[in-house]
Amino acid sequence: MAVTYKKLFHLLIDRGLQPAELTEKAGFSANILTRLKRDQYVSLDSIEKICLTLKCKVDDILDFMPVEKEDENV
């Protein structure tokens, strides 16, 4: 399963927060913000910090997406 953080960035827009403000308030590095923007792996610890800061649930900030397998017969 792949993860997308589009919901997080929509939530930030709805709340009038810049991503850099979230980074500062939640106490994680700019590297984590870059990983979120690229839909890359982010630790559960970072997800927890975001949820506590935004007072939201995990499913408010991310979605799981199925990964399509490539045809192995090619």
PDB file of N, CA and C in Angstrom:
ATOM      1  N   MET A   1       0.833  -1.186   0.000  1.00  0.00           N
ATOM      2  CA  MET A   1       0.000   0.000   0.000  1.00  0.00           C
ATOM      3  C   MET A   1       0.877   1.249   0.000  1.00  0.00           C
ATOM      4  N   ALA A   2       0.467   2.207  -0.780  1.00  0.00           N
ATOM      5  CA  ALA A   2       1.129   3.510  -0.810  1.00  0.00           C
ATOM      6  C   ALA A   2       0.295   4.484   0.014  1.00  0.00           C
ATOM      7  N   VAL A   3       0.927   5.557   0.438  1.00  0.00           N
ATOM      8  CA  VAL A   3       0.246   6.560   1.248  1.00  0.00           C
ATOM      9  C   VAL A   3       0.297   7.898   0.518  1.00  0.00           C
ATOM     10  N   THR A   4      -0.791   8.640   0.605  1.00  0.00           N
ATOM     11  CA  THR A   4      -0.803  10.002   0.087  1.00  0.00           C
ATOM     12  C   THR A   4      -1.228  10.941   1.214  1.00  0.00           C
ATOM     13  N   TYR A   5      -0.581  12.085   1.264  1.00  0.00           N
ATOM     14  CA  TYR A   5      -0.843  13.073   2.314  1.00  0.00           C
ATOM     15  C   TYR A   5      -1.599  14.285   1.772  1.00  0.00           C
ATOM     16  N   LYS A   6      -2.312  14.112   0.675  1.00  0.00           N
ATOM     17  CA  LYS A   6      -3.069  15.231   0.090  1.00  0.00           C
ATOM     18  C   LYS A   6      -4.067  15.808   1.088  1.00  0.00           C
ATOM     19  N   LYS A   7      -4.688  14.939   1.869  1.00  0.00           N
ATOM     20  CA  LYS A   7      -5.665  15.398   2.867  1.00  0.00           C
ATOM     21  C   LYS A   7      -5.020  16.371   3.856  1.00  0.00           C
ATOM     22  N   LEU A   8      -3.774  16.097   4.229  1.00  0.00           N
ATOM     23  CA  LEU A   8      -3.068  16.972   5.170  1.00  0.00           C
ATOM     24  C   LEU A   8      -2.946  18.377   4.600  1.00  0.00           C
ATOM     25  N   PHE A   9      -2.519  18.474   3.360  1.00  0.00           N
ATOM     26  CA  PHE A   9      -2.308  19.785   2.764  1.00  0.00           C
ATOM     27  C   PHE A   9      -3.629  20.518   2.518  1.00  0.00           C
ATOM     28  N   HIS A  10      -4.695  19.786   2.251  1.00  0.00           N
ATOM     29  CA  HIS A  10      -6.024  20.408   2.144  1.00  0.00           C
ATOM     30  C   HIS A  10      -6.485  20.914   3.515  1.00  0.00           C
ATOM     31  N   LEU A  11      -6.200  20.131   4.547  1.00  0.00           N
ATOM     32  CA  LEU A  11      -6.563  20.527   5.909  1.00  0.00           C
ATOM     33  C   LEU A  11      -5.814  21.802   6.312  1.00  0.00           C
ATOM     34  N   LEU A  12      -4.532  21.873   5.961  1.00  0.00           N
ATOM     35  CA  LEU A  12      -3.753  23.077   6.272  1.00  0.00           C
ATOM     36  C   LEU A  12      -4.350  24.305   5.580  1.00  0.00           C
ATOM     37  N   ILE A  13      -4.742  24.159   4.324  1.00  0.00           N
ATOM     38  CA  ILE A  13      -5.368  25.259   3.593  1.00  0.00           C
ATOM     39  C   ILE A  13      -6.668  25.679   4.275  1.00  0.00           C
ATOM     40  N   ASP A  14      -7.483  24.687   4.636  1.00  0.00           N
ATOM     41  CA  ASP A  14      -8.758  24.976   5.306  1.00  0.00           C
ATOM     42  C   ASP A  14      -8.566  25.736   6.613  1.00  0.00           C
ATOM     43  N   ARG A  15      -7.466  25.434   7.301  1.00  0.00           N
ATOM     44  CA  ARG A  15      -7.202  26.068   8.595  1.00  0.00           C
ATOM     45  C   ARG A  15      -6.331  27.313   8.471  1.00  0.00           C
ATOM     46  N   GLY A  16      -5.928  27.651   7.265  1.00  0.00           N
ATOM     47  CA  GLY A  16      -5.121  28.846   7.049  1.00  0.00           C
ATOM     48  C   GLY A  16      -3.703  28.735   7.571  1.00  0.00           C
ATOM     49  N   LEU A  17      -3.168  27.527   7.596  1.00  0.00           N
ATOM     50  CA  LEU A  17      -1.808  27.293   8.074  1.00  0.00           C
ATOM     51  C   LEU A  17      -0.866  27.013   6.912  1.00  0.00           C
ATOM     52  N   GLN A  18       0.313  27.568   6.990  1.00  0.00           N
ATOM     53  CA  GLN A  18       1.358  27.252   6.024  1.00  0.00           C
ATOM     54  C   GLN A  18       2.065  25.972   6.481  1.00  0.00           C
ATOM     55  N   PRO A  19       2.538  25.146   5.555  1.00  0.00           N
ATOM     56  CA  PRO A  19       3.271  23.930   5.944  1.00  0.00           C
ATOM     57  C   PRO A  19       4.442  24.217   6.882  1.00  0.00           C
ATOM     58  N   ALA A  20       5.136  25.320   6.671  1.00  0.00           N
ATOM     59  CA  ALA A  20       6.266  25.663   7.549  1.00  0.00           C
ATOM     60  C   ALA A  20       5.794  25.933   8.983  1.00  0.00           C
ATOM     61  N   GLU A  21       4.596  26.490   9.136  1.00  0.00           N
ATOM     62  CA  GLU A  21       4.039  26.713  10.472  1.00  0.00           C
ATOM     63  C   GLU A  21       3.769  25.387  11.170  1.00  0.00           C
ATOM     64  N   LEU A  22       3.265  24.419  10.415  1.00  0.00           N
ATOM     65  CA  LEU A  22       3.025  23.091  10.992  1.00  0.00           C
ATOM     66  C   LEU A  22       4.346  22.479  11.443  1.00  0.00           C
ATOM     67  N   THR A  23       5.366  22.608  10.624  1.00  0.00           N
ATOM     68  CA  THR A  23       6.689  22.080  10.966  1.00  0.00           C
ATOM     69  C   THR A  23       7.160  22.642  12.302  1.00  0.00           C
ATOM     70  N   GLU A  24       7.008  23.947  12.465  1.00  0.00           N
ATOM     71  CA  GLU A  24       7.441  24.602  13.701  1.00  0.00           C
ATOM     72  C   GLU A  24       6.591  24.178  14.898  1.00  0.00           C
ATOM     73  N   LYS A  25       5.267  24.212  14.733  1.00  0.00           N
ATOM     74  CA  LYS A  25       4.366  23.888  15.848  1.00  0.00           C
ATOM     75  C   LYS A  25       4.453  22.427  16.267  1.00  0.00           C
ATOM     76  N   ALA A  26       4.590  21.527  15.293  1.00  0.00           N
ATOM     77  CA  ALA A  26       4.630  20.096  15.607  1.00  0.00           C
ATOM     78  C   ALA A  26       6.024  19.642  16.025  1.00  0.00           C
ATOM     79  N   GLY A  27       7.032  20.431  15.696  1.00  0.00           N
ATOM     80  CA  GLY A  27       8.385  20.114  16.134  1.00  0.00           C
ATOM     81  C   GLY A  27       9.066  19.021  15.329  1.00  0.00           C
ATOM     82  N   PHE A  28       8.891  19.056  14.016  1.00  0.00           N
ATOM     83  CA  PHE A  28       9.631  18.111  13.178  1.00  0.00           C
ATOM     84  C   PHE A  28      10.423  18.885  12.134  1.00  0.00           C
ATOM     85  N   SER A  29      11.349  18.197  11.470  1.00  0.00           N
ATOM     86  CA  SER A  29      12.281  18.859  10.566  1.00  0.00           C
ATOM     87  C   SER A  29      11.656  19.165   9.206  1.00  0.00           C
ATOM     88  N   ALA A  30      12.319  20.060   8.487  1.00  0.00           N
ATOM     89  CA  ALA A  30      11.900  20.395   7.126  1.00  0.00           C
ATOM     90  C   ALA A  30      11.996  19.171   6.225  1.00  0.00           C
ATOM     91  N   ASN A  31      12.886  18.243   6.557  1.00  0.00           N
ATOM     92  CA  ASN A  31      13.020  17.003   5.796  1.00  0.00           C
ATOM     93  C   ASN A  31      11.719  16.198   5.837  1.00  0.00           C
ATOM     94  N   ILE A  32      11.077  16.162   6.974  1.00  0.00           N
ATOM     95  CA  ILE A  32       9.800  15.445   7.107  1.00  0.00           C
ATOM     96  C   ILE A  32       8.751  16.116   6.229  1.00  0.00           C
ATOM     97  N   LEU A  33       8.741  17.432   6.205  1.00  0.00           N
ATOM     98  CA  LEU A  33       7.792  18.158   5.359  1.00  0.00           C
ATOM     99  C   LEU A  33       8.014  17.809   3.885  1.00  0.00           C
ATOM    100  N   THR A  34       9.256  17.735   3.475  1.00  0.00           N
ATOM    101  CA  THR A  34       9.578  17.352   2.095  1.00  0.00           C
ATOM    102  C   THR A  34       9.074  15.955   1.799  1.00  0.00           C
ATOM    103  N   ARG A  35       9.264  15.028   2.739  1.00  0.00           N
ATOM    104  CA  ARG A  35       8.802  13.650   2.553  1.00  0.00           C
ATOM    105  C   ARG A  35       7.279  13.604   2.445  1.00  0.00           C
ATOM    106  N   LEU A  36       6.584  14.423   3.227  1.00  0.00           N
ATOM    107  CA  LEU A  36       5.123  14.479   3.151  1.00  0.00           C
ATOM    108  C   LEU A  36       4.678  14.974   1.780  1.00  0.00           C
ATOM    109  N   LYS A  37       5.334  16.014   1.285  1.00  0.00           N
ATOM    110  CA  LYS A  37       4.982  16.578  -0.020  1.00  0.00           C
ATOM    111  C   LYS A  37       5.199  15.578  -1.151  1.00  0.00           C
ATOM    112  N   ARG A  38       6.169  14.682  -0.968  1.00  0.00           N
ATOM    113  CA  ARG A  38       6.488  13.687  -1.988  1.00  0.00           C
ATOM    114  C   ARG A  38       5.758  12.354  -1.769  1.00  0.00           C
ATOM    115  N   ASP A  39       4.871  12.304  -0.781  1.00  0.00           N
ATOM    116  CA  ASP A  39       4.137  11.077  -0.435  1.00  0.00           C
ATOM    117  C   ASP A  39       5.093   9.927  -0.137  1.00  0.00           C
ATOM    118  N   GLN A  40       6.169  10.232   0.574  1.00  0.00           N
ATOM    119  CA  GLN A  40       7.139   9.217   0.968  1.00  0.00           C
ATOM    120  C   GLN A  40       6.880   8.783   2.401  1.00  0.00           C
ATOM    121  N   TYR A  41       7.592   7.731   2.822  1.00  0.00           N
ATOM    122  CA  TYR A  41       7.429   7.198   4.164  1.00  0.00           C
ATOM    123  C   TYR A  41       7.721   8.265   5.224  1.00  0.00           C
ATOM    124  N   VAL A  42       6.844   8.356   6.205  1.00  0.00           N
ATOM    125  CA  VAL A  42       7.019   9.221   7.364  1.00  0.00           C
ATOM    126  C   VAL A  42       6.717   8.366   8.594  1.00  0.00           C
ATOM    127  N   SER A  43       7.538   8.491   9.612  1.00  0.00           N
ATOM    128  CA  SER A  43       7.378   7.652  10.802  1.00  0.00           C
ATOM    129  C   SER A  43       6.053   7.926  11.505  1.00  0.00           C
ATOM    130  N   LEU A  44       5.607   6.937  12.234  1.00  0.00           N
ATOM    131  CA  LEU A  44       4.380   7.069  13.008  1.00  0.00           C
ATOM    132  C   LEU A  44       4.531   8.152  14.070  1.00  0.00           C
ATOM    133  N   ASP A  45       5.731   8.340  14.572  1.00  0.00           N
ATOM    134  CA  ASP A  45       6.005   9.392  15.545  1.00  0.00           C
ATOM    135  C   ASP A  45       5.689  10.772  14.947  1.00  0.00           C
ATOM    136  N   SER A  46       6.104  10.983  13.712  1.00  0.00           N
ATOM    137  CA  SER A  46       5.829  12.257  13.038  1.00  0.00           C
ATOM    138  C   SER A  46       4.342  12.424  12.768  1.00  0.00           C
ATOM    139  N   ILE A  47       3.683  11.347  12.359  1.00  0.00           N
ATOM    140  CA  ILE A  47       2.233  11.388  12.124  1.00  0.00           C
ATOM    141  C   ILE A  47       1.513  11.745  13.422  1.00  0.00           C
ATOM    142  N   GLU A  48       1.963  11.165  14.520  1.00  0.00           N
ATOM    143  CA  GLU A  48       1.359  11.459  15.827  1.00  0.00           C
ATOM    144  C   GLU A  48       1.526  12.940  16.184  1.00  0.00           C
ATOM    145  N   LYS A  49       2.708  13.497  15.958  1.00  0.00           N
ATOM    146  CA  LYS A  49       2.952  14.913  16.246  1.00  0.00           C
ATOM    147  C   LYS A  49       2.012  15.800  15.434  1.00  0.00           C
ATOM    148  N   ILE A  50       1.826  15.453  14.176  1.00  0.00           N
ATOM    149  CA  ILE A  50       0.940  16.233  13.307  1.00  0.00           C
ATOM    150  C   ILE A  50      -0.488  16.173  13.825  1.00  0.00           C
ATOM    151  N   CYS A  51      -0.947  14.969  14.140  1.00  0.00           N
ATOM    152  CA  CYS A  51      -2.328  14.803  14.618  1.00  0.00           C
ATOM    153  C   CYS A  51      -2.565  15.520  15.943  1.00  0.00           C
ATOM    154  N   LEU A  52      -1.604  15.446  16.838  1.00  0.00           N
ATOM    155  CA  LEU A  52      -1.752  16.142  18.118  1.00  0.00           C
ATOM    156  C   LEU A  52      -1.774  17.653  17.914  1.00  0.00           C
ATOM    157  N   THR A  53      -0.939  18.152  17.034  1.00  0.00           N
ATOM    158  CA  THR A  53      -0.870  19.587  16.760  1.00  0.00           C
ATOM    159  C   THR A  53      -2.149  20.091  16.113  1.00  0.00           C
ATOM    160  N   LEU A  54      -2.661  19.326  15.147  1.00  0.00           N
ATOM    161  CA  LEU A  54      -3.861  19.741  14.421  1.00  0.00           C
ATOM    162  C   LEU A  54      -5.159  19.282  15.088  1.00  0.00           C
ATOM    163  N   LYS A  55      -5.011  18.491  16.168  1.00  0.00           N
ATOM    164  CA  LYS A  55      -6.176  17.937  16.876  1.00  0.00           C
ATOM    165  C   LYS A  55      -7.097  17.206  15.896  1.00  0.00           C
ATOM    166  N   CYS A  56      -6.491  16.241  15.202  1.00  0.00           N
ATOM    167  CA  CYS A  56      -7.237  15.472  14.211  1.00  0.00           C
ATOM    168  C   CYS A  56      -6.858  13.999  14.302  1.00  0.00           C
ATOM    169  N   LYS A  57      -7.507  13.182  13.499  1.00  0.00           N
ATOM    170  CA  LYS A  57      -7.224  11.750  13.446  1.00  0.00           C
ATOM    171  C   LYS A  57      -6.334  11.451  12.241  1.00  0.00           C
ATOM    172  N   VAL A  58      -5.718  10.300  12.269  1.00  0.00           N
ATOM    173  CA  VAL A  58      -4.823   9.890  11.195  1.00  0.00           C
ATOM    174  C   VAL A  58      -5.544   9.909   9.851  1.00  0.00           C
ATOM    175  N   ASP A  59      -6.772   9.409   9.815  1.00  0.00           N
ATOM    176  CA  ASP A  59      -7.485   9.360   8.535  1.00  0.00           C
ATOM    177  C   ASP A  59      -7.924  10.738   8.049  1.00  0.00           C
ATOM    178  N   ASP A  60      -7.701  11.783   8.865  1.00  0.00           N
ATOM    179  CA  ASP A  60      -7.955  13.151   8.429  1.00  0.00           C
ATOM    180  C   ASP A  60      -6.790  13.711   7.606  1.00  0.00           C
ATOM    181  N   ILE A  61      -5.622  13.052   7.692  1.00  0.00           N
ATOM    182  CA  ILE A  61      -4.441  13.610   7.031  1.00  0.00           C
ATOM    183  C   ILE A  61      -3.812  12.693   5.984  1.00  0.00           C
ATOM    184  N   LEU A  62      -4.230  11.440   5.932  1.00  0.00           N
ATOM    185  CA  LEU A  62      -3.629  10.557   4.937  1.00  0.00           C
ATOM    186  C   LEU A  62      -4.625   9.544   4.408  1.00  0.00           C
ATOM    187  N   ASP A  63      -4.307   9.024   3.244  1.00  0.00           N
ATOM    188  CA  ASP A  63      -5.091   7.965   2.608  1.00  0.00           C
ATOM    189  C   ASP A  63      -4.138   6.874   2.162  1.00  0.00           C
ATOM    190  N   PHE A  64      -4.596   5.644   2.257  1.00  0.00           N
ATOM    191  CA  PHE A  64      -3.854   4.512   1.704  1.00  0.00           C
ATOM    192  C   PHE A  64      -4.357   4.243   0.303  1.00  0.00           C
ATOM    193  N   MET A  65      -3.418   3.977  -0.583  1.00  0.00           N
ATOM    194  CA  MET A  65      -3.766   3.694  -1.973  1.00  0.00           C
ATOM    195  C   MET A  65      -3.130   2.364  -2.369  1.00  0.00           C
ATOM    196  N   PRO A  66      -3.858   1.515  -3.066  1.00  0.00           N
ATOM    197  CA  PRO A  66      -3.274   0.249  -3.497  1.00  0.00           C
ATOM    198  C   PRO A  66      -2.159   0.488  -4.512  1.00  0.00           C
ATOM    199  N   VAL A  67      -1.142  -0.343  -4.419  1.00  0.00           N
ATOM    200  CA  VAL A  67      -0.032  -0.263  -5.359  1.00  0.00           C
ATOM    201  C   VAL A  67      -0.292  -1.268  -6.468  1.00  0.00           C
ATOM    202  N   GLU A  68      -0.240  -0.785  -7.702  1.00  0.00           N
ATOM    203  CA  GLU A  68      -0.457  -1.682  -8.834  1.00  0.00           C
ATOM    204  C   GLU A  68       0.814  -2.462  -9.110  1.00  0.00           C
ATOM    205  N   LYS A  69       0.677  -3.780  -9.235  1.00  0.00           N
ATOM    206  CA  LYS A  69       1.831  -4.626  -9.528  1.00  0.00           C
ATOM    207  C   LYS A  69       2.056  -4.635 -11.033  1.00  0.00           C
ATOM    208  N   GLU A  70       3.339  -4.584 -11.400  1.00  0.00           N
ATOM    209  CA  GLU A  70       3.674  -4.655 -12.813  1.00  0.00           C
ATOM    210  C   GLU A  70       3.545  -6.084 -13.283  1.00  0.00           C
ATOM    211  N   ASP A  71       3.208  -6.237 -14.536  1.00  0.00           N
ATOM    212  CA  ASP A  71       3.075  -7.568 -15.130  1.00  0.00           C
ATOM    213  C   ASP A  71       4.444  -8.226 -15.185  1.00  0.00           C
ATOM    214  N   GLU A  72       4.618  -9.344 -14.496  1.00  0.00           N
ATOM    215  CA  GLU A  72       5.908 -10.018 -14.419  1.00  0.00           C
ATOM    216  C   GLU A  72       6.213 -10.836 -15.666  1.00  0.00           C
ATOM    217  N   ASN A  73       5.257 -11.000 -16.563  1.00  0.00           N
ATOM    218  CA  ASN A  73       5.471 -11.807 -17.764  1.00  0.00           C
ATOM    219  C   ASN A  73       6.091 -11.018 -18.912  1.00  0.00           C
ATOM    220  N   VAL A  74       6.337  -9.752 -18.710  1.00  0.00           N
ATOM    221  CA  VAL A  74       6.865  -8.908 -19.789  1.00  0.00           C
ATOM    222  C   VAL A  74       8.351  -9.063 -19.890  1.00  0.00           C
TER     223      VAL A  74
END
